[in-house]
Amino acid sequence: MAGDPRTSGVARRAYRARAKAIWETNGGICEICREPLDMKVPWPDPDSFVADHVTPITGGGRVDGAVRPAHNRCNIKRGANAHDTLGPTSRPWRKAVC
């Protein structure tokens, strides 16, 4: 795929088409919260469809790397955390002393 989907209209449409195909394959479910996605909700509504990078760009992922369907709100909440890690904790934790 040529170009950066964040800046190139042609590449962005191809990127969303690839993510939509994945959305159709997985039954229209957000891969983060596992709730249904409605493709008719316009972006940037929190419930709108986005193509979430499995490996975040800031974590070494590629713009044209693996994507999965997600709600905009879920993708924002996940941020740059990998799909199998937790976000920040509510307070700092110390190691247990046994």
PDB file of N, CA and C in Angstrom:
ATOM      1  N   MET A   1       0.849  -1.165   0.000  1.00  0.00           N
ATOM      2  CA  MET A   1       0.000   0.000   0.000  1.00  0.00           C
ATOM      3  C   MET A   1       0.895   1.228   0.000  1.00  0.00           C
ATOM      4  N   ALA A   2       0.621   2.137  -0.875  1.00  0.00           N
ATOM      5  CA  ALA A   2       1.452   3.334  -0.989  1.00  0.00           C
ATOM      6  C   ALA A   2       0.921   4.445  -0.094  1.00  0.00           C
ATOM      7  N   GLY A   3       1.829   5.168   0.502  1.00  0.00           N
ATOM      8  CA  GLY A   3       1.451   6.327   1.291  1.00  0.00           C
ATOM      9  C   GLY A   3       1.043   6.018   2.715  1.00  0.00           C
ATOM     10  N   ASP A   4       0.929   7.076   3.483  1.00  0.00           N
ATOM     11  CA  ASP A   4       0.522   6.987   4.881  1.00  0.00           C
ATOM     12  C   ASP A   4      -0.982   7.209   4.941  1.00  0.00           C
ATOM     13  N   PRO A   5      -1.765   6.252   5.477  1.00  0.00           N
ATOM     14  CA  PRO A   5      -3.216   6.399   5.520  1.00  0.00           C
ATOM     15  C   PRO A   5      -3.679   7.642   6.263  1.00  0.00           C
ATOM     16  N   ARG A   6      -2.832   8.181   7.112  1.00  0.00           N
ATOM     17  CA  ARG A   6      -3.222   9.380   7.853  1.00  0.00           C
ATOM     18  C   ARG A   6      -3.121  10.630   6.997  1.00  0.00           C
ATOM     19  N   THR A   7      -2.428  10.561   5.845  1.00  0.00           N
ATOM     20  CA  THR A   7      -2.242  11.753   5.022  1.00  0.00           C
ATOM     21  C   THR A   7      -2.683  11.571   3.576  1.00  0.00           C
ATOM     22  N   SER A   8      -2.711  10.382   3.057  1.00  0.00           N
ATOM     23  CA  SER A   8      -3.050  10.118   1.670  1.00  0.00           C
ATOM     24  C   SER A   8      -4.482   9.607   1.553  1.00  0.00           C
ATOM     25  N   GLY A   9      -5.309  10.315   0.777  1.00  0.00           N
ATOM     26  CA  GLY A   9      -6.703   9.912   0.621  1.00  0.00           C
ATOM     27  C   GLY A   9      -6.863   8.529   0.026  1.00  0.00           C
ATOM     28  N   VAL A  10      -6.093   8.213  -1.005  1.00  0.00           N
ATOM     29  CA  VAL A  10      -6.182   6.902  -1.648  1.00  0.00           C
ATOM     30  C   VAL A  10      -5.762   5.810  -0.671  1.00  0.00           C
ATOM     31  N   ALA A  11      -4.649   6.021   0.010  1.00  0.00           N
ATOM     32  CA  ALA A  11      -4.159   5.021   0.963  1.00  0.00           C
ATOM     33  C   ALA A  11      -5.125   4.881   2.136  1.00  0.00           C
ATOM     34  N   ARG A  12      -5.707   5.996   2.586  1.00  0.00           N
ATOM     35  CA  ARG A  12      -6.650   5.961   3.716  1.00  0.00           C
ATOM     36  C   ARG A  12      -7.883   5.143   3.348  1.00  0.00           C
ATOM     37  N   ARG A  13      -8.385   5.317   2.134  1.00  0.00           N
ATOM     38  CA  ARG A  13      -9.556   4.546   1.710  1.00  0.00           C
ATOM     39  C   ARG A  13      -9.219   3.056   1.621  1.00  0.00           C
ATOM     40  N   ALA A  14      -8.029   2.712   1.123  1.00  0.00           N
ATOM     41  CA  ALA A  14      -7.615   1.308   1.048  1.00  0.00           C
ATOM     42  C   ALA A  14      -7.469   0.717   2.455  1.00  0.00           C
ATOM     43  N   TYR A  15      -6.930   1.508   3.360  1.00  0.00           N
ATOM     44  CA  TYR A  15      -6.739   1.108   4.755  1.00  0.00           C
ATOM     45  C   TYR A  15      -8.085   0.809   5.419  1.00  0.00           C
ATOM     46  N   ARG A  16      -9.058   1.717   5.237  1.00  0.00           N
ATOM     47  CA  ARG A  16     -10.385   1.506   5.824  1.00  0.00           C
ATOM     48  C   ARG A  16     -11.100   0.339   5.155  1.00  0.00           C
ATOM     49  N   ALA A  17     -10.894   0.159   3.847  1.00  0.00           N
ATOM     50  CA  ALA A  17     -11.516  -0.967   3.148  1.00  0.00           C
ATOM     51  C   ALA A  17     -10.984  -2.291   3.691  1.00  0.00           C
ATOM     52  N   ARG A  18      -9.681  -2.345   3.965  1.00  0.00           N
ATOM     53  CA  ARG A  18      -9.078  -3.557   4.526  1.00  0.00           C
ATOM     54  C   ARG A  18      -9.648  -3.826   5.920  1.00  0.00           C
ATOM     55  N   ALA A  19      -9.767  -2.781   6.735  1.00  0.00           N
ATOM     56  CA  ALA A  19     -10.319  -2.934   8.078  1.00  0.00           C
ATOM     57  C   ALA A  19     -11.800  -3.327   8.017  1.00  0.00           C
ATOM     58  N   LYS A  20     -12.541  -2.758   7.059  1.00  0.00           N
ATOM     59  CA  LYS A  20     -13.956  -3.107   6.920  1.00  0.00           C
ATOM     60  C   LYS A  20     -14.110  -4.572   6.538  1.00  0.00           C
ATOM     61  N   ALA A  21     -13.229  -5.071   5.682  1.00  0.00           N
ATOM     62  CA  ALA A  21     -13.279  -6.492   5.308  1.00  0.00           C
ATOM     63  C   ALA A  21     -13.061  -7.365   6.544  1.00  0.00           C
ATOM     64  N   ILE A  22     -12.145  -6.940   7.410  1.00  0.00           N
ATOM     65  CA  ILE A  22     -11.911  -7.676   8.657  1.00  0.00           C
ATOM     66  C   ILE A  22     -13.150  -7.585   9.542  1.00  0.00           C
ATOM     67  N   TRP A  23     -13.773  -6.390   9.585  1.00  0.00           N
ATOM     68  CA  TRP A  23     -15.002  -6.184  10.355  1.00  0.00           C
ATOM     69  C   TRP A  23     -16.085  -7.156   9.893  1.00  0.00           C
ATOM     70  N   GLU A  24     -16.235  -7.291   8.582  1.00  0.00           N
ATOM     71  CA  GLU A  24     -17.242  -8.198   8.038  1.00  0.00           C
ATOM     72  C   GLU A  24     -16.933  -9.652   8.384  1.00  0.00           C
ATOM     73  N   THR A  25     -15.653  -9.999   8.389  1.00  0.00           N
ATOM     74  CA  THR A  25     -15.236 -11.365   8.704  1.00  0.00           C
ATOM     75  C   THR A  25     -15.514 -11.719  10.159  1.00  0.00           C
ATOM     76  N   ASN A  26     -15.301 -10.754  11.073  1.00  0.00           N
ATOM     77  CA  ASN A  26     -15.469 -11.069  12.490  1.00  0.00           C
ATOM     78  C   ASN A  26     -16.889 -10.831  12.993  1.00  0.00           C
ATOM     79  N   GLY A  27     -17.806 -10.511  12.109  1.00  0.00           N
ATOM     80  CA  GLY A  27     -19.199 -10.345  12.497  1.00  0.00           C
ATOM     81  C   GLY A  27     -19.562  -8.976  13.033  1.00  0.00           C
ATOM     82  N   GLY A  28     -18.738  -7.968  12.759  1.00  0.00           N
ATOM     83  CA  GLY A  28     -19.058  -6.612  13.180  1.00  0.00           C
ATOM     84  C   GLY A  28     -18.889  -6.354  14.662  1.00  0.00           C
ATOM     85  N   ILE A  29     -17.894  -6.984  15.263  1.00  0.00           N
ATOM     86  CA  ILE A  29     -17.645  -6.859  16.702  1.00  0.00           C
ATOM     87  C   ILE A  29     -16.371  -6.059  16.940  1.00  0.00           C
ATOM     88  N   CYS A  30     -16.398  -5.159  17.930  1.00  0.00           N
ATOM     89  CA  CYS A  30     -15.195  -4.426  18.337  1.00  0.00           C
ATOM     90  C   CYS A  30     -14.238  -5.427  18.976  1.00  0.00           C
ATOM     91  N   GLU A  31     -13.018  -5.473  18.497  1.00  0.00           N
ATOM     92  CA  GLU A  31     -12.041  -6.432  19.003  1.00  0.00           C
ATOM     93  C   GLU A  31     -11.477  -6.049  20.372  1.00  0.00           C
ATOM     94  N   ILE A  32     -11.843  -4.875  20.883  1.00  0.00           N
ATOM     95  CA  ILE A  32     -11.355  -4.459  22.195  1.00  0.00           C
ATOM     96  C   ILE A  32     -12.403  -4.735  23.270  1.00  0.00           C
ATOM     97  N   CYS A  33     -13.638  -4.246  23.063  1.00  0.00           N
ATOM     98  CA  CYS A  33     -14.677  -4.426  24.088  1.00  0.00           C
ATOM     99  C   CYS A  33     -15.618  -5.584  23.792  1.00  0.00           C
ATOM    100  N   ARG A  34     -15.549  -6.132  22.558  1.00  0.00           N
ATOM    101  CA  ARG A  34     -16.378  -7.256  22.119  1.00  0.00           C
ATOM    102  C   ARG A  34     -17.854  -6.904  21.959  1.00  0.00           C
ATOM    103  N   GLU A  35     -18.169  -5.605  21.852  1.00  0.00           N
ATOM    104  CA  GLU A  35     -19.535  -5.139  21.618  1.00  0.00           C
ATOM    105  C   GLU A  35     -19.729  -4.903  20.111  1.00  0.00           C
ATOM    106  N   PRO A  36     -20.986  -4.907  19.625  1.00  0.00           N
ATOM    107  CA  PRO A  36     -21.235  -4.686  18.194  1.00  0.00           C
ATOM    108  C   PRO A  36     -20.801  -3.292  17.728  1.00  0.00           C
ATOM    109  N   LEU A  37     -20.355  -3.239  16.472  1.00  0.00           N
ATOM    110  CA  LEU A  37     -19.972  -1.985  15.822  1.00  0.00           C
ATOM    111  C   LEU A  37     -21.031  -1.628  14.788  1.00  0.00           C
ATOM    112  N   ASP A  38     -21.409  -0.359  14.736  1.00  0.00           N
ATOM    113  CA  ASP A  38     -22.354   0.121  13.736  1.00  0.00           C
ATOM    114  C   ASP A  38     -21.583   0.977  12.735  1.00  0.00           C
ATOM    115  N   MET A  39     -21.430   0.485  11.521  1.00  0.00           N
ATOM    116  CA  MET A  39     -20.665   1.193  10.498  1.00  0.00           C
ATOM    117  C   MET A  39     -21.335   2.492  10.054  1.00  0.00           C
ATOM    118  N   LYS A  40     -22.597   2.708  10.422  1.00  0.00           N
ATOM    119  CA  LYS A  40     -23.303   3.919  10.010  1.00  0.00           C
ATOM    120  C   LYS A  40     -23.012   5.106  10.927  1.00  0.00           C
ATOM    121  N   VAL A  41     -22.420   4.868  12.086  1.00  0.00           N
ATOM    122  CA  VAL A  41     -22.106   5.959  13.018  1.00  0.00           C
ATOM    123  C   VAL A  41     -20.924   6.732  12.440  1.00  0.00           C
ATOM    124  N   PRO A  42     -21.084   8.045  12.227  1.00  0.00           N
ATOM    125  CA  PRO A  42     -20.012   8.818  11.599  1.00  0.00           C
ATOM    126  C   PRO A  42     -18.848   9.107  12.545  1.00  0.00           C
ATOM    127  N   TRP A  43     -17.643   9.096  11.976  1.00  0.00           N
ATOM    128  CA  TRP A  43     -16.450   9.481  12.721  1.00  0.00           C
ATOM    129  C   TRP A  43     -16.491  10.982  12.916  1.00  0.00           C
ATOM    130  N   PRO A  44     -16.139  11.544  14.044  1.00  0.00           N
ATOM    131  CA  PRO A  44     -15.394  11.031  15.188  1.00  0.00           C
ATOM    132  C   PRO A  44     -16.257  10.668  16.393  1.00  0.00           C
ATOM    133  N   ASP A  45     -17.511  10.286  16.175  1.00  0.00           N
ATOM    134  CA  ASP A  45     -18.359   9.849  17.289  1.00  0.00           C
ATOM    135  C   ASP A  45     -17.641   8.748  18.073  1.00  0.00           C
ATOM    136  N   PRO A  46     -17.761   8.723  19.405  1.00  0.00           N
ATOM    137  CA  PRO A  46     -17.087   7.694  20.207  1.00  0.00           C
ATOM    138  C   PRO A  46     -17.454   6.268  19.802  1.00  0.00           C
ATOM    139  N   ASP A  47     -18.664   6.071  19.268  1.00  0.00           N
ATOM    140  CA  ASP A  47     -19.086   4.736  18.852  1.00  0.00           C
ATOM    141  C   ASP A  47     -18.775   4.430  17.394  1.00  0.00           C
ATOM    142  N   SER A  48     -18.081   5.332  16.700  1.00  0.00           N
ATOM    143  CA  SER A  48     -17.768   5.108  15.287  1.00  0.00           C
ATOM    144  C   SER A  48     -16.696   4.027  15.120  1.00  0.00           C
ATOM    145  N   PHE A  49     -16.672   3.471  13.937  1.00  0.00           N
ATOM    146  CA  PHE A  49     -15.704   2.440  13.561  1.00  0.00           C
ATOM    147  C   PHE A  49     -14.337   3.059  13.285  1.00  0.00           C
ATOM    148  N   VAL A  50     -13.295   2.442  13.813  1.00  0.00           N
ATOM    149  CA  VAL A  50     -11.917   2.799  13.452  1.00  0.00           C
ATOM    150  C   VAL A  50     -11.131   1.515  13.228  1.00  0.00           C
ATOM    151  N   ALA A  51     -10.065   1.636  12.473  1.00  0.00           N
ATOM    152  CA  ALA A  51      -9.152   0.522  12.254  1.00  0.00           C
ATOM    153  C   ALA A  51      -8.034   0.643  13.289  1.00  0.00           C
ATOM    154  N   ASP A  52      -8.076  -0.206  14.294  1.00  0.00           N
ATOM    155  CA  ASP A  52      -7.101  -0.178  15.380  1.00  0.00           C
ATOM    156  C   ASP A  52      -5.879  -1.003  14.988  1.00  0.00           C
ATOM    157  N   HIS A  53      -4.690  -0.432  15.161  1.00  0.00           N
ATOM    158  CA  HIS A  53      -3.463  -1.181  14.895  1.00  0.00           C
ATOM    159  C   HIS A  53      -3.223  -2.176  16.022  1.00  0.00           C
ATOM    160  N   VAL A  54      -3.062  -3.438  15.690  1.00  0.00           N
ATOM    161  CA  VAL A  54      -2.815  -4.474  16.688  1.00  0.00           C
ATOM    162  C   VAL A  54      -1.555  -4.130  17.476  1.00  0.00           C
ATOM    163  N   THR A  55      -0.488  -3.775  16.776  1.00  0.00           N
ATOM    164  CA  THR A  55       0.727  -3.271  17.413  1.00  0.00           C
ATOM    165  C   THR A  55       0.740  -1.768  17.177  1.00  0.00           C
ATOM    166  N   PRO A  56       0.603  -0.975  18.242  1.00  0.00           N
ATOM    167  CA  PRO A  56       0.538   0.473  18.065  1.00  0.00           C
ATOM    168  C   PRO A  56       1.732   1.023  17.282  1.00  0.00           C
ATOM    169  N   ILE A  57       1.486   2.039  16.479  1.00  0.00           N
ATOM    170  CA  ILE A  57       2.539   2.678  15.688  1.00  0.00           C
ATOM    171  C   ILE A  57       3.684   3.113  16.605  1.00  0.00           C
ATOM    172  N   THR A  58       3.326   3.701  17.755  1.00  0.00           N
ATOM    173  CA  THR A  58       4.360   4.174  18.680  1.00  0.00           C
ATOM    174  C   THR A  58       5.103   3.030  19.358  1.00  0.00           C
ATOM    175  N   GLY A  59       4.570   1.817  19.263  1.00  0.00           N
ATOM    176  CA  GLY A  59       5.223   0.651  19.852  1.00  0.00           C
ATOM    177  C   GLY A  59       5.965  -0.180  18.826  1.00  0.00           C
ATOM    178  N   GLY A  60       6.221   0.402  17.657  1.00  0.00           N
ATOM    179  CA  GLY A  60       6.962  -0.311  16.623  1.00  0.00           C
ATOM    180  C   GLY A  60       6.099  -0.884  15.522  1.00  0.00           C
ATOM    181  N   GLY A  61       4.775  -0.683  15.606  1.00  0.00           N
ATOM    182  CA  GLY A  61       3.890  -1.176  14.552  1.00  0.00           C
ATOM    183  C   GLY A  61       4.037  -0.364  13.282  1.00  0.00           C
ATOM    184  N   ARG A  62       3.550  -0.910  12.191  1.00  0.00           N
ATOM    185  CA  ARG A  62       3.628  -0.233  10.897  1.00  0.00           C
ATOM    186  C   ARG A  62       2.266   0.331  10.533  1.00  0.00           C
ATOM    187  N   VAL A  63       2.279   1.438   9.810  1.00  0.00           N
ATOM    188  CA  VAL A  63       1.040   2.056   9.357  1.00  0.00           C
ATOM    189  C   VAL A  63       0.244   1.057   8.528  1.00  0.00           C
ATOM    190  N   ASP A  64       0.924   0.257   7.718  1.00  0.00           N
ATOM    191  CA  ASP A  64       0.243  -0.737   6.899  1.00  0.00           C
ATOM    192  C   ASP A  64       0.226  -2.110   7.561  1.00  0.00           C
ATOM    193  N   GLY A  65       0.476  -2.155   8.879  1.00  0.00           N
ATOM    194  CA  GLY A  65       0.487  -3.414   9.623  1.00  0.00           C
ATOM    195  C   GLY A  65      -0.919  -3.926   9.910  1.00  0.00           C
ATOM    196  N   ALA A  66      -0.985  -4.964  10.722  1.00  0.00           N
ATOM    197  CA  ALA A  66      -2.252  -5.615  11.052  1.00  0.00           C
ATOM    198  C   ALA A  66      -3.186  -4.651  11.783  1.00  0.00           C
ATOM    199  N   VAL A  67      -4.431  -4.626  11.344  1.00  0.00           N
ATOM    200  CA  VAL A  67      -5.453  -3.807  11.987  1.00  0.00           C
ATOM    201  C   VAL A  67      -6.627  -4.683  12.386  1.00  0.00           C
ATOM    202  N   ARG A  68      -7.422  -4.158  13.301  1.00  0.00           N
ATOM    203  CA  ARG A  68      -8.624  -4.865  13.732  1.00  0.00           C
ATOM    204  C   ARG A  68      -9.719  -3.821  13.935  1.00  0.00           C
ATOM    205  N   PRO A  69     -10.981  -4.205  13.770  1.00  0.00           N
ATOM    206  CA  PRO A  69     -12.066  -3.253  13.938  1.00  0.00           C
ATOM    207  C   PRO A  69     -12.267  -2.903  15.410  1.00  0.00           C
ATOM    208  N   ALA A  70     -12.554  -1.621  15.671  1.00  0.00           N
ATOM    209  CA  ALA A  70     -12.772  -1.169  17.044  1.00  0.00           C
ATOM    210  C   ALA A  70     -13.654   0.073  17.049  1.00  0.00           C
ATOM    211  N   HIS A  71     -14.247   0.348  18.219  1.00  0.00           N
ATOM    212  CA  HIS A  71     -14.932   1.625  18.428  1.00  0.00           C
ATOM    213  C   HIS A  71     -13.856   2.691  18.597  1.00  0.00           C
ATOM    214  N   ASN A  72     -14.153   3.910  18.189  1.00  0.00           N
ATOM    215  CA  ASN A  72     -13.237   5.022  18.375  1.00  0.00           C
ATOM    216  C   ASN A  72     -12.905   5.180  19.865  1.00  0.00           C
ATOM    217  N   ARG A  73     -13.928   5.086  20.735  1.00  0.00           N
ATOM    218  CA  ARG A  73     -13.710   5.254  22.180  1.00  0.00           C
ATOM    219  C   ARG A  73     -12.798   4.169  22.741  1.00  0.00           C
ATOM    220  N   CYS A  74     -12.953   2.957  22.273  1.00  0.00           N
ATOM    221  CA  CYS A  74     -12.124   1.848  22.762  1.00  0.00           C
ATOM    222  C   CYS A  74     -10.671   2.038  22.323  1.00  0.00           C
ATOM    223  N   ASN A  75     -10.491   2.462  21.068  1.00  0.00           N
ATOM    224  CA  ASN A  75      -9.149   2.687  20.547  1.00  0.00           C
ATOM    225  C   ASN A  75      -8.458   3.822  21.303  1.00  0.00           C
ATOM    226  N   ILE A  76      -9.203   4.898  21.587  1.00  0.00           N
ATOM    227  CA  ILE A  76      -8.630   6.022  22.338  1.00  0.00           C
ATOM    228  C   ILE A  76      -8.276   5.575  23.748  1.00  0.00           C
ATOM    229  N   LYS A  77      -9.160   4.816  24.387  1.00  0.00           N
ATOM    230  CA  LYS A  77      -8.909   4.352  25.759  1.00  0.00           C
ATOM    231  C   LYS A  77      -7.689   3.436  25.808  1.00  0.00           C
ATOM    232  N   ARG A  78      -7.554   2.570  24.819  1.00  0.00           N
ATOM    233  CA  ARG A  78      -6.409   1.657  24.763  1.00  0.00           C
ATOM    234  C   ARG A  78      -5.122   2.430  24.533  1.00  0.00           C
ATOM    235  N   GLY A  79      -5.198   3.497  23.767  1.00  0.00           N
ATOM    236  CA  GLY A  79      -4.023   4.318  23.514  1.00  0.00           C
ATOM    237  C   GLY A  79      -2.905   3.530  22.863  1.00  0.00           C
ATOM    238  N   ALA A  80      -1.692   3.744  23.331  1.00  0.00           N
ATOM    239  CA  ALA A  80      -0.519   3.096  22.747  1.00  0.00           C
ATOM    240  C   ALA A  80      -0.168   1.792  23.458  1.00  0.00           C
ATOM    241  N   ASN A  81      -1.083   1.270  24.274  1.00  0.00           N
ATOM    242  CA  ASN A  81      -0.824   0.000  24.946  1.00  0.00           C
ATOM    243  C   ASN A  81      -1.054  -1.152  23.982  1.00  0.00           C
ATOM    244  N   ALA A  82      -0.219  -2.153  24.056  1.00  0.00           N
ATOM    245  CA  ALA A  82      -0.406  -3.346  23.234  1.00  0.00           C
ATOM    246  C   ALA A  82      -1.713  -4.006  23.642  1.00  0.00           C
ATOM    247  N   HIS A  83      -2.314  -4.792  22.750  1.00  0.00           N
ATOM    248  CA  HIS A  83      -3.623  -5.383  23.014  1.00  0.00           C
ATOM    249  C   HIS A  83      -3.637  -6.313  24.210  1.00  0.00           C
ATOM    250  N   ASP A  84      -2.502  -6.808  24.625  1.00  0.00           N
ATOM    251  CA  ASP A  84      -2.486  -7.746  25.748  1.00  0.00           C
ATOM    252  C   ASP A  84      -1.888  -7.140  27.013  1.00  0.00           C
ATOM    253  N   THR A  85      -1.842  -5.815  27.093  1.00  0.00           N
ATOM    254  CA  THR A  85      -1.338  -5.164  28.296  1.00  0.00           C
ATOM    255  C   THR A  85      -2.397  -4.248  28.867  1.00  0.00           C
ATOM    256  N   LEU A  86      -2.281  -3.971  30.154  1.00  0.00           N
ATOM    257  CA  LEU A  86      -3.209  -3.072  30.813  1.00  0.00           C
ATOM    258  C   LEU A  86      -2.731  -1.645  30.682  1.00  0.00           C
ATOM    259  N   GLY A  87      -3.647  -0.728  30.795  1.00  0.00           N
ATOM    260  CA  GLY A  87      -3.288   0.678  30.803  1.00  0.00           C
ATOM    261  C   GLY A  87      -2.696   1.061  32.147  1.00  0.00           C
ATOM    262  N   PRO A  88      -2.543   2.344  32.396  1.00  0.00           N
ATOM    263  CA  PRO A  88      -1.958   2.784  33.655  1.00  0.00           C
ATOM    264  C   PRO A  88      -2.816   2.361  34.842  1.00  0.00           C
ATOM    265  N   THR A  89      -2.189   2.082  35.949  1.00  0.00           N
ATOM    266  CA  THR A  89      -2.922   1.715  37.159  1.00  0.00           C
ATOM    267  C   THR A  89      -3.423   2.969  37.856  1.00  0.00           C
ATOM    268  N   SER A  90      -4.355   2.797  38.776  1.00  0.00           N
ATOM    269  CA  SER A  90      -4.940   3.933  39.480  1.00  0.00           C
ATOM    270  C   SER A  90      -3.986   4.537  40.504  1.00  0.00           C
ATOM    271  N   ARG A  91      -2.961   3.798  40.880  1.00  0.00           N
ATOM    272  CA  ARG A  91      -1.961   4.289  41.817  1.00  0.00           C
ATOM    273  C   ARG A  91      -0.672   3.513  41.610  1.00  0.00           C
ATOM    274  N   PRO A  92       0.470   4.051  42.043  1.00  0.00           N
ATOM    275  CA  PRO A  92       1.716   3.299  41.894  1.00  0.00           C
ATOM    276  C   PRO A  92       1.731   2.080  42.819  1.00  0.00           C
ATOM    277  N   TRP A  93       2.242   0.990  42.336  1.00  0.00           N
ATOM    278  CA  TRP A  93       2.307  -0.239  43.125  1.00  0.00           C
ATOM    279  C   TRP A  93       3.759  -0.536  43.471  1.00  0.00           C
ATOM    280  N   ARG A  94       3.958  -1.043  44.679  1.00  0.00           N
ATOM    281  CA  ARG A  94       5.283  -1.457  45.114  1.00  0.00           C
ATOM    282  C   ARG A  94       5.375  -2.974  45.014  1.00  0.00           C
ATOM    283  N   LYS A  95       6.586  -3.470  44.850  1.00  0.00           N
ATOM    284  CA  LYS A  95       6.775  -4.912  44.829  1.00  0.00           C
ATOM    285  C   LYS A  95       6.490  -5.467  46.226  1.00  0.00           C
ATOM    286  N   ALA A  96       5.864  -6.616  46.250  1.00  0.00           N
ATOM    287  CA  ALA A  96       5.565  -7.263  47.533  1.00  0.00           C
ATOM    288  C   ALA A  96       6.852  -7.767  48.165  1.00  0.00           C
ATOM    289  N   VAL A  97       6.962  -7.584  49.444  1.00  0.00           N
ATOM    290  CA  VAL A  97       8.117  -8.089  50.185  1.00  0.00           C
ATOM    291  C   VAL A  97       7.666  -9.327  50.927  1.00  0.00           C
ATOM    292  N   CYS A  98       8.229 -10.449  50.598  1.00  0.00           N
ATOM    293  CA  CYS A  98       7.815 -11.722  51.225  1.00  0.00           C
ATOM    294  C   CYS A  98       8.777 -12.155  52.290  1.00  0.00           C
TER     295      CYS A  98
END
